[in-house]
Amino acid sequence: MEALYLLIPLSLAIIALAAWIFLRMSDSGQFDDMDAPAHSILLDEDLPAPMDITPEGEAPRPHDPPSRDA
């Protein structure tokens, strides 16, 4: 019975802390838009990067990758 005198206030304090944390996070905008990041992956268009065109109308040659020799 004596344990209840400790456990009931302790559990109420933990519940109050959890509610305070949840309300603080919801006020800061943590849960505003949960669906947009998931949908943006599905709607992402993988378009190639536009290539720069030289004044002569020719595309520049790709550069060689850097060598790994150090």
N, C-alpha and C. Protein backbone atom coordinates (compact mmCIF):
# COMPACT_ATOMS: atom_id res chain seq x y z
N MET A 1 0.81 -1.19 0.00
CA MET A 1 0.00 0.00 0.00
C MET A 1 0.86 1.26 0.00
N GLU A 2 2.00 1.19 0.69
CA GLU A 2 2.87 2.36 0.73
C GLU A 2 3.46 2.67 -0.65
N ALA A 3 3.59 1.64 -1.48
CA ALA A 3 4.15 1.87 -2.81
C ALA A 3 3.22 2.72 -3.66
N LEU A 4 1.92 2.62 -3.43
CA LEU A 4 0.98 3.43 -4.19
C LEU A 4 1.15 4.92 -3.91
N TYR A 5 1.55 5.26 -2.70
CA TYR A 5 1.77 6.66 -2.37
C TYR A 5 2.92 7.25 -3.20
N LEU A 6 3.81 6.40 -3.66
CA LEU A 6 4.91 6.86 -4.50
C LEU A 6 4.56 6.71 -5.98
N LEU A 7 3.93 5.60 -6.36
CA LEU A 7 3.70 5.31 -7.77
C LEU A 7 2.63 6.19 -8.40
N ILE A 8 1.57 6.52 -7.66
CA ILE A 8 0.51 7.34 -8.24
C ILE A 8 1.00 8.76 -8.55
N PRO A 9 1.65 9.46 -7.64
CA PRO A 9 2.17 10.79 -8.02
C PRO A 9 3.26 10.72 -9.09
N LEU A 10 4.06 9.68 -9.05
CA LEU A 10 5.10 9.53 -10.06
C LEU A 10 4.48 9.32 -11.45
N SER A 11 3.46 8.49 -11.54
CA SER A 11 2.82 8.26 -12.83
C SER A 11 2.09 9.50 -13.31
N LEU A 12 1.48 10.24 -12.41
CA LEU A 12 0.83 11.50 -12.81
C LEU A 12 1.85 12.52 -13.30
N ALA A 13 3.01 12.55 -12.68
CA ALA A 13 4.07 13.47 -13.13
C ALA A 13 4.58 13.07 -14.51
N ILE A 14 4.72 11.79 -14.77
CA ILE A 14 5.19 11.32 -16.08
C ILE A 14 4.15 11.63 -17.16
N ILE A 15 2.86 11.45 -16.84
CA ILE A 15 1.80 11.77 -17.79
C ILE A 15 1.78 13.27 -18.07
N ALA A 16 1.93 14.08 -17.05
CA ALA A 16 1.96 15.53 -17.25
C ALA A 16 3.16 15.95 -18.09
N LEU A 17 4.30 15.33 -17.87
CA LEU A 17 5.49 15.64 -18.66
C LEU A 17 5.29 15.24 -20.12
N ALA A 18 4.71 14.07 -20.36
CA ALA A 18 4.47 13.62 -21.73
C ALA A 18 3.47 14.53 -22.43
N ALA A 19 2.43 14.96 -21.73
CA ALA A 19 1.45 15.88 -22.32
C ALA A 19 2.09 17.23 -22.62
N TRP A 20 2.93 17.72 -21.73
CA TRP A 20 3.62 19.00 -21.95
C TRP A 20 4.53 18.92 -23.17
N ILE A 21 5.28 17.82 -23.30
CA ILE A 21 6.17 17.64 -24.46
C ILE A 21 5.37 17.59 -25.75
N PHE A 22 4.27 16.84 -25.74
CA PHE A 22 3.44 16.73 -26.95
C PHE A 22 2.87 18.10 -27.33
N LEU A 23 2.33 18.84 -26.37
CA LEU A 23 1.76 20.15 -26.69
C LEU A 23 2.82 21.13 -27.15
N ARG A 24 3.99 21.05 -26.57
CA ARG A 24 5.08 21.94 -26.98
C ARG A 24 5.52 21.64 -28.42
N MET A 25 5.59 20.36 -28.78
CA MET A 25 5.99 20.00 -30.14
C MET A 25 4.90 20.35 -31.15
N SER A 26 3.65 20.18 -30.77
CA SER A 26 2.58 20.51 -31.71
C SER A 26 2.47 22.03 -31.90
N ASP A 27 2.80 22.81 -30.90
CA ASP A 27 2.80 24.26 -31.06
C ASP A 27 3.96 24.74 -31.91
N SER A 28 5.05 24.02 -31.92
CA SER A 28 6.22 24.45 -32.70
C SER A 28 6.13 24.03 -34.17
N GLY A 29 5.07 23.32 -34.55
CA GLY A 29 4.90 22.94 -35.95
C GLY A 29 5.49 21.60 -36.30
N GLN A 30 5.80 20.80 -35.34
CA GLN A 30 6.41 19.50 -35.58
C GLN A 30 5.49 18.57 -36.38
N PHE A 31 4.19 18.70 -36.16
CA PHE A 31 3.23 17.78 -36.78
C PHE A 31 2.35 18.48 -37.81
N ASP A 32 2.81 19.57 -38.40
CA ASP A 32 1.97 20.32 -39.33
C ASP A 32 1.66 19.55 -40.60
N ASP A 33 2.68 19.07 -41.28
CA ASP A 33 2.46 18.42 -42.57
C ASP A 33 3.20 17.09 -42.59
N MET A 34 2.47 16.03 -42.31
CA MET A 34 3.10 14.71 -42.25
C MET A 34 3.06 13.98 -43.59
N ASP A 35 2.22 14.42 -44.54
CA ASP A 35 2.04 13.68 -45.79
C ASP A 35 2.87 14.21 -46.94
N ALA A 36 3.22 15.47 -46.94
CA ALA A 36 3.93 16.04 -48.08
C ALA A 36 5.29 15.40 -48.35
N PRO A 37 6.13 15.11 -47.34
CA PRO A 37 7.40 14.46 -47.67
C PRO A 37 7.22 13.08 -48.30
N ALA A 38 6.21 12.35 -47.89
CA ALA A 38 5.98 11.02 -48.48
C ALA A 38 5.50 11.15 -49.93
N HIS A 39 4.66 12.13 -50.19
CA HIS A 39 4.16 12.31 -51.56
C HIS A 39 5.21 12.91 -52.47
N SER A 40 6.11 13.70 -51.93
CA SER A 40 7.12 14.32 -52.78
C SER A 40 8.08 13.29 -53.36
N ILE A 41 8.27 12.17 -52.66
CA ILE A 41 9.11 11.11 -53.22
C ILE A 41 8.44 10.49 -54.43
N LEU A 42 7.13 10.28 -54.35
CA LEU A 42 6.40 9.67 -55.46
C LEU A 42 6.27 10.61 -56.64
N LEU A 43 6.20 11.91 -56.39
CA LEU A 43 6.00 12.88 -57.46
C LEU A 43 7.31 13.47 -57.98
N ASP A 44 8.42 13.00 -57.47
CA ASP A 44 9.71 13.53 -57.88
C ASP A 44 9.99 13.14 -59.33
N GLU A 45 10.31 14.13 -60.13
CA GLU A 45 10.65 13.87 -61.52
C GLU A 45 12.16 13.90 -61.65
N ASP A 46 12.72 12.82 -62.11
CA ASP A 46 14.17 12.73 -62.26
C ASP A 46 14.56 13.21 -63.66
N LEU A 47 14.57 14.49 -63.84
CA LEU A 47 14.95 15.06 -65.12
C LEU A 47 16.45 15.29 -65.13
N PRO A 48 17.08 15.07 -66.28
CA PRO A 48 18.52 15.34 -66.33
C PRO A 48 18.78 16.83 -66.21
N ALA A 49 19.93 17.15 -65.67
CA ALA A 49 20.32 18.55 -65.52
C ALA A 49 20.51 19.18 -66.89
N PRO A 50 20.08 20.42 -67.06
CA PRO A 50 20.26 21.06 -68.38
C PRO A 50 21.74 21.28 -68.66
N MET A 51 22.10 21.01 -69.90
CA MET A 51 23.51 21.19 -70.29
C MET A 51 23.70 22.60 -70.82
N ASP A 52 24.82 23.16 -70.51
CA ASP A 52 25.14 24.49 -71.03
C ASP A 52 25.51 24.36 -72.51
N ILE A 53 24.99 25.27 -73.30
CA ILE A 53 25.28 25.27 -74.73
C ILE A 53 26.30 26.38 -74.99
N THR A 54 27.33 26.03 -75.75
CA THR A 54 28.35 27.02 -76.09
C THR A 54 27.80 27.97 -77.14
N PRO A 55 28.43 29.12 -77.32
CA PRO A 55 27.94 30.07 -78.34
C PRO A 55 27.92 29.46 -79.75
N GLU A 56 28.76 28.46 -80.00
CA GLU A 56 28.78 27.83 -81.32
C GLU A 56 27.63 26.85 -81.50
N GLY A 57 26.87 26.61 -80.43
CA GLY A 57 25.75 25.70 -80.53
C GLY A 57 26.12 24.26 -80.20
N GLU A 58 27.31 24.03 -79.70
CA GLU A 58 27.73 22.67 -79.37
C GLU A 58 27.75 22.50 -77.86
N ALA A 59 27.39 21.34 -77.43
CA ALA A 59 27.43 21.05 -76.00
C ALA A 59 28.88 20.84 -75.57
N PRO A 60 29.25 21.28 -74.40
CA PRO A 60 30.63 21.07 -73.94
C PRO A 60 30.91 19.59 -73.69
N ARG A 61 32.16 19.22 -73.84
CA ARG A 61 32.54 17.84 -73.58
C ARG A 61 32.56 17.58 -72.08
N PRO A 62 32.18 16.38 -71.67
CA PRO A 62 32.23 16.08 -70.22
C PRO A 62 33.66 16.05 -69.74
N HIS A 63 33.85 16.47 -68.52
CA HIS A 63 35.18 16.49 -67.93
C HIS A 63 35.54 15.10 -67.43
N ASP A 64 36.84 14.81 -67.45
CA ASP A 64 37.31 13.53 -66.91
C ASP A 64 37.14 13.55 -65.39
N PRO A 65 36.77 12.42 -64.81
CA PRO A 65 36.68 12.40 -63.34
C PRO A 65 38.05 12.60 -62.73
N PRO A 66 38.10 13.18 -61.54
CA PRO A 66 39.41 13.40 -60.91
C PRO A 66 40.12 12.07 -60.63
N SER A 67 41.42 12.10 -60.81
CA SER A 67 42.17 10.87 -60.56
C SER A 67 42.30 10.64 -59.06
N ARG A 68 42.45 9.38 -58.70
CA ARG A 68 42.57 9.03 -57.28
C ARG A 68 44.03 8.91 -56.85
N ASP A 69 44.95 9.28 -57.72
CA ASP A 69 46.36 9.23 -57.37
C ASP A 69 46.68 10.41 -56.46
N ALA A 70 47.28 10.10 -55.35
CA ALA A 70 47.60 11.20 -54.43
C ALA A 70 49.08 11.25 -54.15
